[in-house]
Amino acid sequence: MDEFRLPAGPGVPAAEAVRQSWTATVAALPEGARISGEVIGRQRFGVFIRIHGMPDAVGLAEVGSMPHDLELPAMGAAVAGVVIWHADHNHQVKIKLDEWDRPE
């Protein structure tokens, strides 16, 4: 099985649900908000996260925020971090993971 895949399967919010709840997601998760969640997809550019307490939200932690000597968290890994931005065009909450928050 390829280690890189998009979010799919049970527990992954449908695209329409994510779109419809976007305004509420942004209000509930402003920049600087702390989140925790589970890795539900991996790509070379980062990991997708199901955010605890937000069933219709998708987070994305991109490798641009990751120190060069670390690897992406595995599928199903528990992660925590902070909201750094909202991508309105694709309804994603951009996240910097705690484990990436260190001086390079």
PDB file of N, CA and C in Angstrom:
ATOM      1  N   MET A   1       0.844  -1.176   0.000  1.00  0.00           N
ATOM      2  CA  MET A   1       0.000   0.000   0.000  1.00  0.00           C
ATOM      3  C   MET A   1       0.892   1.243   0.000  1.00  0.00           C
ATOM      4  N   ASP A   2       0.503   2.219  -0.799  1.00  0.00           N
ATOM      5  CA  ASP A   2       1.211   3.483  -0.868  1.00  0.00           C
ATOM      6  C   ASP A   2       1.042   4.223   0.451  1.00  0.00           C
ATOM      7  N   GLU A   3       2.127   4.737   1.005  1.00  0.00           N
ATOM      8  CA  GLU A   3       2.031   5.441   2.275  1.00  0.00           C
ATOM      9  C   GLU A   3       1.384   6.811   2.125  1.00  0.00           C
ATOM     10  N   PHE A   4       1.288   7.326   0.913  1.00  0.00           N
ATOM     11  CA  PHE A   4       0.691   8.626   0.678  1.00  0.00           C
ATOM     12  C   PHE A   4      -0.707   8.447   0.114  1.00  0.00           C
ATOM     13  N   ARG A   5      -1.692   9.012   0.823  1.00  0.00           N
ATOM     14  CA  ARG A   5      -3.069   8.937   0.342  1.00  0.00           C
ATOM     15  C   ARG A   5      -3.877  10.100   0.880  1.00  0.00           C
ATOM     16  N   LEU A   6      -4.950  10.382   0.165  1.00  0.00           N
ATOM     17  CA  LEU A   6      -5.869  11.439   0.584  1.00  0.00           C
ATOM     18  C   LEU A   6      -6.828  10.888   1.628  1.00  0.00           C
ATOM     19  N   PRO A   7      -7.432  11.760   2.427  1.00  0.00           N
ATOM     20  CA  PRO A   7      -8.394  11.292   3.425  1.00  0.00           C
ATOM     21  C   PRO A   7      -9.574  10.585   2.759  1.00  0.00           C
ATOM     22  N   ALA A   8      -9.927   9.436   3.288  1.00  0.00           N
ATOM     23  CA  ALA A   8     -11.073   8.682   2.776  1.00  0.00           C
ATOM     24  C   ALA A   8     -11.511   7.698   3.842  1.00  0.00           C
ATOM     25  N   GLY A   9     -12.769   7.295   3.787  1.00  0.00           N
ATOM     26  CA  GLY A   9     -13.260   6.269   4.679  1.00  0.00           C
ATOM     27  C   GLY A   9     -14.131   6.794   5.789  1.00  0.00           C
ATOM     28  N   PRO A  10     -14.510   5.897   6.690  1.00  0.00           N
ATOM     29  CA  PRO A  10     -15.399   6.285   7.800  1.00  0.00           C
ATOM     30  C   PRO A  10     -14.763   7.365   8.665  1.00  0.00           C
ATOM     31  N   GLY A  11     -15.574   8.303   9.094  1.00  0.00           N
ATOM     32  CA  GLY A  11     -15.079   9.357   9.973  1.00  0.00           C
ATOM     33  C   GLY A  11     -14.476  10.542   9.259  1.00  0.00           C
ATOM     34  N   VAL A  12     -14.290  10.443   7.945  1.00  0.00           N
ATOM     35  CA  VAL A  12     -13.761  11.570   7.184  1.00  0.00           C
ATOM     36  C   VAL A  12     -14.953  12.398   6.707  1.00  0.00           C
ATOM     37  N   PRO A  13     -14.976  13.689   7.036  1.00  0.00           N
ATOM     38  CA  PRO A  13     -16.141  14.499   6.654  1.00  0.00           C
ATOM     39  C   PRO A  13     -16.285  14.612   5.144  1.00  0.00           C
ATOM     40  N   ALA A  14     -17.528  14.582   4.678  1.00  0.00           N
ATOM     41  CA  ALA A  14     -17.814  14.760   3.264  1.00  0.00           C
ATOM     42  C   ALA A  14     -17.493  16.186   2.846  1.00  0.00           C
ATOM     43  N   ALA A  15     -17.049  16.353   1.606  1.00  0.00           N
ATOM     44  CA  ALA A  15     -16.668  17.674   1.103  1.00  0.00           C
ATOM     45  C   ALA A  15     -17.803  18.683   1.249  1.00  0.00           C
ATOM     46  N   GLU A  16     -19.028  18.277   0.990  1.00  0.00           N
ATOM     47  CA  GLU A  16     -20.170  19.192   1.097  1.00  0.00           C
ATOM     48  C   GLU A  16     -20.384  19.630   2.552  1.00  0.00           C
ATOM     49  N   ALA A  17     -20.212  18.710   3.497  1.00  0.00           N
ATOM     50  CA  ALA A  17     -20.357  19.059   4.917  1.00  0.00           C
ATOM     51  C   ALA A  17     -19.269  20.040   5.337  1.00  0.00           C
ATOM     52  N   VAL A  18     -18.057  19.840   4.853  1.00  0.00           N
ATOM     53  CA  VAL A  18     -16.947  20.745   5.167  1.00  0.00           C
ATOM     54  C   VAL A  18     -17.252  22.136   4.607  1.00  0.00           C
ATOM     55  N   ARG A  19     -17.744  22.193   3.380  1.00  0.00           N
ATOM     56  CA  ARG A  19     -18.070  23.478   2.754  1.00  0.00           C
ATOM     57  C   ARG A  19     -19.192  24.197   3.504  1.00  0.00           C
ATOM     58  N   GLN A  20     -20.243  23.467   3.836  1.00  0.00           N
ATOM     59  CA  GLN A  20     -21.393  24.079   4.502  1.00  0.00           C
ATOM     60  C   GLN A  20     -21.070  24.580   5.907  1.00  0.00           C
ATOM     61  N   SER A  21     -20.139  23.951   6.571  1.00  0.00           N
ATOM     62  CA  SER A  21     -19.808  24.344   7.947  1.00  0.00           C
ATOM     63  C   SER A  21     -18.607  25.295   8.025  1.00  0.00           C
ATOM     64  N   TRP A  22     -18.102  25.742   6.868  1.00  0.00           N
ATOM     65  CA  TRP A  22     -16.864  26.525   6.855  1.00  0.00           C
ATOM     66  C   TRP A  22     -16.934  27.783   7.723  1.00  0.00           C
ATOM     67  N   THR A  23     -17.991  28.557   7.637  1.00  0.00           N
ATOM     68  CA  THR A  23     -18.102  29.781   8.431  1.00  0.00           C
ATOM     69  C   THR A  23     -18.045  29.461   9.925  1.00  0.00           C
ATOM     70  N   ALA A  24     -18.749  28.427  10.347  1.00  0.00           N
ATOM     71  CA  ALA A  24     -18.732  28.024  11.758  1.00  0.00           C
ATOM     72  C   ALA A  24     -17.359  27.495  12.165  1.00  0.00           C
ATOM     73  N   THR A  25     -16.680  26.785  11.254  1.00  0.00           N
ATOM     74  CA  THR A  25     -15.338  26.262  11.548  1.00  0.00           C
ATOM     75  C   THR A  25     -14.366  27.405  11.796  1.00  0.00           C
ATOM     76  N   VAL A  26     -14.378  28.401  10.914  1.00  0.00           N
ATOM     77  CA  VAL A  26     -13.463  29.545  11.061  1.00  0.00           C
ATOM     78  C   VAL A  26     -13.748  30.287  12.370  1.00  0.00           C
ATOM     79  N   ALA A  27     -15.022  30.449  12.704  1.00  0.00           N
ATOM     80  CA  ALA A  27     -15.379  31.137  13.949  1.00  0.00           C
ATOM     81  C   ALA A  27     -14.925  30.346  15.174  1.00  0.00           C
ATOM     82  N   ALA A  28     -15.042  29.029  15.128  1.00  0.00           N
ATOM     83  CA  ALA A  28     -14.684  28.181  16.271  1.00  0.00           C
ATOM     84  C   ALA A  28     -13.177  27.964  16.404  1.00  0.00           C
ATOM     85  N   LEU A  29     -12.453  28.103  15.288  1.00  0.00           N
ATOM     86  CA  LEU A  29     -11.012  27.836  15.287  1.00  0.00           C
ATOM     87  C   LEU A  29     -10.243  29.033  14.714  1.00  0.00           C
ATOM     88  N   PRO A  30     -10.207  30.146  15.433  1.00  0.00           N
ATOM     89  CA  PRO A  30      -9.471  31.313  14.922  1.00  0.00           C
ATOM     90  C   PRO A  30      -7.967  31.045  14.931  1.00  0.00           C
ATOM     91  N   GLU A  31      -7.233  31.865  14.197  1.00  0.00           N
ATOM     92  CA  GLU A  31      -5.772  31.732  14.223  1.00  0.00           C
ATOM     93  C   GLU A  31      -5.299  31.797  15.668  1.00  0.00           C
ATOM     94  N   GLY A  32      -4.387  30.910  16.021  1.00  0.00           N
ATOM     95  CA  GLY A  32      -3.863  30.825  17.375  1.00  0.00           C
ATOM     96  C   GLY A  32      -4.587  29.801  18.241  1.00  0.00           C
ATOM     97  N   ALA A  33      -5.726  29.283  17.773  1.00  0.00           N
ATOM     98  CA  ALA A  33      -6.471  28.279  18.548  1.00  0.00           C
ATOM     99  C   ALA A  33      -5.684  26.972  18.605  1.00  0.00           C
ATOM    100  N   ARG A  34      -5.742  26.315  19.745  1.00  0.00           N
ATOM    101  CA  ARG A  34      -5.090  25.007  19.921  1.00  0.00           C
ATOM    102  C   ARG A  34      -6.039  23.921  19.412  1.00  0.00           C
ATOM    103  N   ILE A  35      -5.491  22.932  18.730  1.00  0.00           N
ATOM    104  CA  ILE A  35      -6.283  21.798  18.259  1.00  0.00           C
ATOM    105  C   ILE A  35      -5.574  20.499  18.603  1.00  0.00           C
ATOM    106  N   SER A  36      -6.347  19.429  18.626  1.00  0.00           N
ATOM    107  CA  SER A  36      -5.782  18.085  18.656  1.00  0.00           C
ATOM    108  C   SER A  36      -6.588  17.280  17.652  1.00  0.00           C
ATOM    109  N   GLY A  37      -6.016  16.199  17.193  1.00  0.00           N
ATOM    110  CA  GLY A  37      -6.715  15.406  16.199  1.00  0.00           C
ATOM    111  C   GLY A  37      -5.951  14.157  15.820  1.00  0.00           C
ATOM    112  N   GLU A  38      -6.371  13.591  14.691  1.00  0.00           N
ATOM    113  CA  GLU A  38      -5.808  12.334  14.199  1.00  0.00           C
ATOM    114  C   GLU A  38      -5.469  12.488  12.724  1.00  0.00           C
ATOM    115  N   VAL A  39      -4.325  11.951  12.321  1.00  0.00           N
ATOM    116  CA  VAL A  39      -3.915  11.989  10.920  1.00  0.00           C
ATOM    117  C   VAL A  39      -4.818  11.055  10.119  1.00  0.00           C
ATOM    118  N   ILE A  40      -5.496  11.629   9.096  1.00  0.00           N
ATOM    119  CA  ILE A  40      -6.421  10.848   8.272  1.00  0.00           C
ATOM    120  C   ILE A  40      -5.975  10.772   6.812  1.00  0.00           C
ATOM    121  N   GLY A  41      -4.869  11.411   6.480  1.00  0.00           N
ATOM    122  CA  GLY A  41      -4.340  11.359   5.123  1.00  0.00           C
ATOM    123  C   GLY A  41      -2.924  11.890   5.108  1.00  0.00           C
ATOM    124  N   ARG A  42      -2.108  11.329   4.209  1.00  0.00           N
ATOM    125  CA  ARG A  42      -0.711  11.764   4.078  1.00  0.00           C
ATOM    126  C   ARG A  42      -0.407  12.022   2.613  1.00  0.00           C
ATOM    127  N   GLN A  43       0.285  13.105   2.376  1.00  0.00           N
ATOM    128  CA  GLN A  43       0.791  13.435   1.045  1.00  0.00           C
ATOM    129  C   GLN A  43       2.210  13.950   1.219  1.00  0.00           C
ATOM    130  N   ARG A  44       2.943  14.036   0.142  1.00  0.00           N
ATOM    131  CA  ARG A  44       4.310  14.538   0.236  1.00  0.00           C
ATOM    132  C   ARG A  44       4.336  15.978   0.765  1.00  0.00           C
ATOM    133  N   PHE A  45       3.249  16.725   0.584  1.00  0.00           N
ATOM    134  CA  PHE A  45       3.202  18.124   1.011  1.00  0.00           C
ATOM    135  C   PHE A  45       2.705  18.303   2.435  1.00  0.00           C
ATOM    136  N   GLY A  46       2.232  17.238   3.107  1.00  0.00           N
ATOM    137  CA  GLY A  46       1.779  17.369   4.486  1.00  0.00           C
ATOM    138  C   GLY A  46       0.785  16.301   4.894  1.00  0.00           C
ATOM    139  N   VAL A  47       0.161  16.508   6.059  1.00  0.00           N
ATOM    140  CA  VAL A  47      -0.816  15.545   6.577  1.00  0.00           C
ATOM    141  C   VAL A  47      -2.167  16.212   6.788  1.00  0.00           C
ATOM    142  N   PHE A  48      -3.222  15.465   6.477  1.00  0.00           N
ATOM    143  CA  PHE A  48      -4.587  15.905   6.729  1.00  0.00           C
ATOM    144  C   PHE A  48      -4.987  15.411   8.114  1.00  0.00           C
ATOM    145  N   ILE A  49      -5.742  16.233   8.825  1.00  0.00           N
ATOM    146  CA  ILE A  49      -6.070  15.950  10.221  1.00  0.00           C
ATOM    147  C   ILE A  49      -7.570  16.065  10.448  1.00  0.00           C
ATOM    148  N   ARG A  50      -8.144  15.056  11.103  1.00  0.00           N
ATOM    149  CA  ARG A  50      -9.522  15.162  11.615  1.00  0.00           C
ATOM    150  C   ARG A  50      -9.385  15.847  12.964  1.00  0.00           C
ATOM    151  N   ILE A  51     -10.006  17.003  13.106  1.00  0.00           N
ATOM    152  CA  ILE A  51      -9.854  17.822  14.300  1.00  0.00           C
ATOM    153  C   ILE A  51     -10.881  17.396  15.345  1.00  0.00           C
ATOM    154  N   HIS A  52     -10.413  17.044  16.530  1.00  0.00           N
ATOM    155  CA  HIS A  52     -11.311  16.629  17.603  1.00  0.00           C
ATOM    156  C   HIS A  52     -12.314  17.744  17.912  1.00  0.00           C
ATOM    157  N   GLY A  53     -13.571  17.358  18.069  1.00  0.00           N
ATOM    158  CA  GLY A  53     -14.616  18.301  18.406  1.00  0.00           C
ATOM    159  C   GLY A  53     -15.174  19.078  17.227  1.00  0.00           C
ATOM    160  N   MET A  54     -14.645  18.851  16.046  1.00  0.00           N
ATOM    161  CA  MET A  54     -15.089  19.550  14.835  1.00  0.00           C
ATOM    162  C   MET A  54     -15.339  18.498  13.738  1.00  0.00           C
ATOM    163  N   PRO A  55     -16.461  17.803  13.788  1.00  0.00           N
ATOM    164  CA  PRO A  55     -16.680  16.675  12.877  1.00  0.00           C
ATOM    165  C   PRO A  55     -16.731  17.035  11.401  1.00  0.00           C
ATOM    166  N   ASP A  56     -16.983  18.304  11.071  1.00  0.00           N
ATOM    167  CA  ASP A  56     -17.063  18.709   9.671  1.00  0.00           C
ATOM    168  C   ASP A  56     -15.922  19.639   9.275  1.00  0.00           C
ATOM    169  N   ALA A  57     -14.765  19.452   9.900  1.00  0.00           N
ATOM    170  CA  ALA A  57     -13.593  20.267   9.581  1.00  0.00           C
ATOM    171  C   ALA A  57     -12.422  19.365   9.201  1.00  0.00           C
ATOM    172  N   VAL A  58     -11.585  19.880   8.311  1.00  0.00           N
ATOM    173  CA  VAL A  58     -10.359  19.176   7.918  1.00  0.00           C
ATOM    174  C   VAL A  58      -9.189  20.115   8.129  1.00  0.00           C
ATOM    175  N   GLY A  59      -8.172  19.623   8.811  1.00  0.00           N
ATOM    176  CA  GLY A  59      -6.948  20.385   9.006  1.00  0.00           C
ATOM    177  C   GLY A  59      -5.866  19.889   8.070  1.00  0.00           C
ATOM    178  N   LEU A  60      -4.909  20.739   7.781  1.00  0.00           N
ATOM    179  CA  LEU A  60      -3.757  20.362   6.973  1.00  0.00           C
ATOM    180  C   LEU A  60      -2.507  20.972   7.588  1.00  0.00           C
ATOM    181  N   ALA A  61      -1.557  20.125   7.911  1.00  0.00           N
ATOM    182  CA  ALA A  61      -0.241  20.567   8.370  1.00  0.00           C
ATOM    183  C   ALA A  61       0.721  20.333   7.213  1.00  0.00           C
ATOM    184  N   GLU A  62       1.247  21.417   6.632  1.00  0.00           N
ATOM    185  CA  GLU A  62       2.099  21.320   5.455  1.00  0.00           C
ATOM    186  C   GLU A  62       3.570  21.228   5.840  1.00  0.00           C
ATOM    187  N   VAL A  63       4.361  20.587   4.990  1.00  0.00           N
ATOM    188  CA  VAL A  63       5.772  20.363   5.279  1.00  0.00           C
ATOM    189  C   VAL A  63       6.577  21.655   5.374  1.00  0.00           C
ATOM    190  N   GLY A  64       6.063  22.760   4.854  1.00  0.00           N
ATOM    191  CA  GLY A  64       6.774  24.029   4.966  1.00  0.00           C
ATOM    192  C   GLY A  64       6.983  24.460   6.405  1.00  0.00           C
ATOM    193  N   SER A  65       6.162  23.943   7.320  1.00  0.00           N
ATOM    194  CA  SER A  65       6.279  24.252   8.749  1.00  0.00           C
ATOM    195  C   SER A  65       7.078  23.201   9.506  1.00  0.00           C
ATOM    196  N   MET A  66       7.531  22.154   8.804  1.00  0.00           N
ATOM    197  CA  MET A  66       8.175  21.015   9.454  1.00  0.00           C
ATOM    198  C   MET A  66       9.703  21.156   9.393  1.00  0.00           C
ATOM    199  N   PRO A  67      10.389  20.979  10.533  1.00  0.00           N
ATOM    200  CA  PRO A  67      11.856  20.962  10.492  1.00  0.00           C
ATOM    201  C   PRO A  67      12.349  19.868   9.536  1.00  0.00           C
ATOM    202  N   HIS A  68      13.454  20.141   8.866  1.00  0.00           N
ATOM    203  CA  HIS A  68      13.959  19.248   7.825  1.00  0.00           C
ATOM    204  C   HIS A  68      14.367  17.865   8.312  1.00  0.00           C
ATOM    205  N   ASP A  69      14.670  17.716   9.592  1.00  0.00           N
ATOM    206  CA  ASP A  69      15.132  16.421  10.086  1.00  0.00           C
ATOM    207  C   ASP A  69      14.001  15.537  10.618  1.00  0.00           C
ATOM    208  N   LEU A  70      12.752  15.971  10.491  1.00  0.00           N
ATOM    209  CA  LEU A  70      11.618  15.184  10.966  1.00  0.00           C
ATOM    210  C   LEU A  70      10.888  14.540   9.794  1.00  0.00           C
ATOM    211  N   GLU A  71      10.060  13.540  10.108  1.00  0.00           N
ATOM    212  CA  GLU A  71       9.223  12.895   9.106  1.00  0.00           C
ATOM    213  C   GLU A  71       7.765  13.198   9.407  1.00  0.00           C
ATOM    214  N   LEU A  72       6.924  13.054   8.400  1.00  0.00           N
ATOM    215  CA  LEU A  72       5.492  13.253   8.590  1.00  0.00           C
ATOM    216  C   LEU A  72       4.942  12.241   9.581  1.00  0.00           C
ATOM    217  N   PRO A  73       3.980  12.634  10.405  1.00  0.00           N
ATOM    218  CA  PRO A  73       3.335  11.674  11.299  1.00  0.00           C
ATOM    219  C   PRO A  73       2.636  10.573  10.487  1.00  0.00           C
ATOM    220  N   ALA A  74       2.532   9.398  11.064  1.00  0.00           N
ATOM    221  CA  ALA A  74       1.921   8.243  10.409  1.00  0.00           C
ATOM    222  C   ALA A  74       0.403   8.357  10.384  1.00  0.00           C
ATOM    223  N   MET A  75      -0.223   7.618   9.498  1.00  0.00           N
ATOM    224  CA  MET A  75      -1.679   7.515   9.472  1.00  0.00           C
ATOM    225  C   MET A  75      -2.168   7.084  10.852  1.00  0.00           C
ATOM    226  N   GLY A  76      -3.203   7.732  11.338  1.00  0.00           N
ATOM    227  CA  GLY A  76      -3.781   7.386  12.630  1.00  0.00           C
ATOM    228  C   GLY A  76      -3.079   7.992  13.827  1.00  0.00           C
ATOM    229  N   ALA A  77      -1.957   8.676  13.609  1.00  0.00           N
ATOM    230  CA  ALA A  77      -1.214   9.270  14.725  1.00  0.00           C
ATOM    231  C   ALA A  77      -2.021  10.385  15.381  1.00  0.00           C
ATOM    232  N   ALA A  78      -1.939  10.458  16.699  1.00  0.00           N
ATOM    233  CA  ALA A  78      -2.529  11.569  17.443  1.00  0.00           C
ATOM    234  C   ALA A  78      -1.574  12.748  17.345  1.00  0.00           C
ATOM    235  N   VAL A  79      -2.122  13.924  17.007  1.00  0.00           N
ATOM    236  CA  VAL A  79      -1.303  15.123  16.854  1.00  0.00           C
ATOM    237  C   VAL A  79      -1.984  16.291  17.556  1.00  0.00           C
ATOM    238  N   ALA A  80      -1.207  17.331  17.815  1.00  0.00           N
ATOM    239  CA  ALA A  80      -1.730  18.566  18.401  1.00  0.00           C
ATOM    240  C   ALA A  80      -0.961  19.717  17.780  1.00  0.00           C
ATOM    241  N   GLY A  81      -1.586  20.884  17.783  1.00  0.00           N
ATOM    242  CA  GLY A  81      -0.912  22.034  17.214  1.00  0.00           C
ATOM    243  C   GLY A  81      -1.739  23.284  17.360  1.00  0.00           C
ATOM    244  N   VAL A  82      -1.402  24.258  16.511  1.00  0.00           N
ATOM    245  CA  VAL A  82      -2.063  25.560  16.556  1.00  0.00           C
ATOM    246  C   VAL A  82      -2.513  25.940  15.144  1.00  0.00           C
ATOM    247  N   VAL A  83      -3.675  26.590  15.070  1.00  0.00           N
ATOM    248  CA  VAL A  83      -4.196  27.080  13.797  1.00  0.00           C
ATOM    249  C   VAL A  83      -3.353  28.275  13.363  1.00  0.00           C
ATOM    250  N   ILE A  84      -2.842  28.230  12.122  1.00  0.00           N
ATOM    251  CA  ILE A  84      -2.015  29.337  11.626  1.00  0.00           C
ATOM    252  C   ILE A  84      -2.661  30.090  10.470  1.00  0.00           C
ATOM    253  N   TRP A  85      -3.738  29.515   9.874  1.00  0.00           N
ATOM    254  CA  TRP A  85      -4.335  30.161   8.711  1.00  0.00           C
ATOM    255  C   TRP A  85      -5.582  29.403   8.302  1.00  0.00           C
ATOM    256  N   HIS A  86      -6.446  30.057   7.537  1.00  0.00           N
ATOM    257  CA  HIS A  86      -7.639  29.411   6.976  1.00  0.00           C
ATOM    258  C   HIS A  86      -7.580  29.528   5.456  1.00  0.00           C
ATOM    259  N   ALA A  87      -7.652  28.409   4.749  1.00  0.00           N
ATOM    260  CA  ALA A  87      -7.637  28.407   3.287  1.00  0.00           C
ATOM    261  C   ALA A  87      -9.080  28.386   2.797  1.00  0.00           C
ATOM    262  N   ASP A  88      -9.622  29.562   2.535  1.00  0.00           N
ATOM    263  CA  ASP A  88     -11.019  29.673   2.124  1.00  0.00           C
ATOM    264  C   ASP A  88     -11.309  28.931   0.822  1.00  0.00           C
ATOM    265  N   HIS A  89     -10.363  28.926  -0.103  1.00  0.00           N
ATOM    266  CA  HIS A  89     -10.616  28.333  -1.420  1.00  0.00           C
ATOM    267  C   HIS A  89     -10.871  26.823  -1.370  1.00  0.00           C
ATOM    268  N   ASN A  90     -10.304  26.127  -0.392  1.00  0.00           N
ATOM    269  CA  ASN A  90     -10.541  24.675  -0.290  1.00  0.00           C
ATOM    270  C   ASN A  90     -11.012  24.241   1.101  1.00  0.00           C
ATOM    271  N   HIS A  91     -11.376  25.229   1.920  1.00  0.00           N
ATOM    272  CA  HIS A  91     -11.988  24.974   3.232  1.00  0.00           C
ATOM    273  C   HIS A  91     -11.107  24.108   4.135  1.00  0.00           C
ATOM    274  N   GLN A  92      -9.840  24.472   4.230  1.00  0.00           N
ATOM    275  CA  GLN A  92      -8.914  23.754   5.091  1.00  0.00           C
ATOM    276  C   GLN A  92      -8.379  24.674   6.184  1.00  0.00           C
ATOM    277  N   VAL A  93      -8.273  24.107   7.376  1.00  0.00           N
ATOM    278  CA  VAL A  93      -7.673  24.804   8.513  1.00  0.00           C
ATOM    279  C   VAL A  93      -6.188  24.442   8.493  1.00  0.00           C
ATOM    280  N   LYS A  94      -5.339  25.434   8.286  1.00  0.00           N
ATOM    281  CA  LYS A  94      -3.892  25.180   8.243  1.00  0.00           C
ATOM    282  C   LYS A  94      -3.358  25.141   9.673  1.00  0.00           C
ATOM    283  N   ILE A  95      -2.537  24.145   9.939  1.00  0.00           N
ATOM    284  CA  ILE A  95      -2.076  23.863  11.300  1.00  0.00           C
ATOM    285  C   ILE A  95      -0.561  23.708  11.323  1.00  0.00           C
ATOM    286  N   LYS A  96       0.053  24.230  12.380  1.00  0.00           N
ATOM    287  CA  LYS A  96       1.467  23.947  12.657  1.00  0.00           C
ATOM    288  C   LYS A  96       1.481  23.005  13.843  1.00  0.00           C
ATOM    289  N   LEU A  97       2.033  21.824  13.648  1.00  0.00           N
ATOM    290  CA  LEU A  97       2.048  20.819  14.708  1.00  0.00           C
ATOM    291  C   LEU A  97       3.038  21.178  15.808  1.00  0.00           C
ATOM    292  N   ASP A  98       2.689  20.823  17.030  1.00  0.00           N
ATOM    293  CA  ASP A  98       3.567  21.103  18.176  1.00  0.00           C
ATOM    294  C   ASP A  98       4.958  20.509  17.983  1.00  0.00           C
ATOM    295  N   GLU A  99       5.014  19.301  17.452  1.00  0.00           N
ATOM    296  CA  GLU A  99       6.314  18.637  17.299  1.00  0.00           C
ATOM    297  C   GLU A  99       7.199  19.350  16.277  1.00  0.00           C
ATOM    298  N   TRP A 100       6.632  20.246  15.484  1.00  0.00           N
ATOM    299  CA  TRP A 100       7.393  21.003  14.510  1.00  0.00           C
ATOM    300  C   TRP A 100       7.790  22.372  15.048  1.00  0.00           C
ATOM    301  N   ASP A 101       7.337  22.724  16.243  1.00  0.00           N
ATOM    302  CA  ASP A 101       7.540  24.049  16.788  1.00  0.00           C
ATOM    303  C   ASP A 101       8.836  24.106  17.583  1.00  0.00           C
ATOM    304  N   ARG A 102       9.916  24.251  16.851  1.00  0.00           N
ATOM    305  CA  ARG A 102      11.232  24.380  17.477  1.00  0.00           C
ATOM    306  C   ARG A 102      12.137  25.145  16.523  1.00  0.00           C
ATOM    307  N   PRO A 103      13.141  25.803  17.055  1.00  0.00           N
ATOM    308  CA  PRO A 103      14.060  26.525  16.163  1.00  0.00           C
ATOM    309  C   PRO A 103      14.817  25.562  15.276  1.00  0.00           C
ATOM    310  N   GLU A 104      15.025  25.952  14.034  1.00  0.00           N
ATOM    311  CA  GLU A 104      15.793  25.082  13.119  1.00  0.00           C
ATOM    312  C   GLU A 104      17.271  25.339  13.243  1.00  0.00           C
TER     313      GLU A 104
END
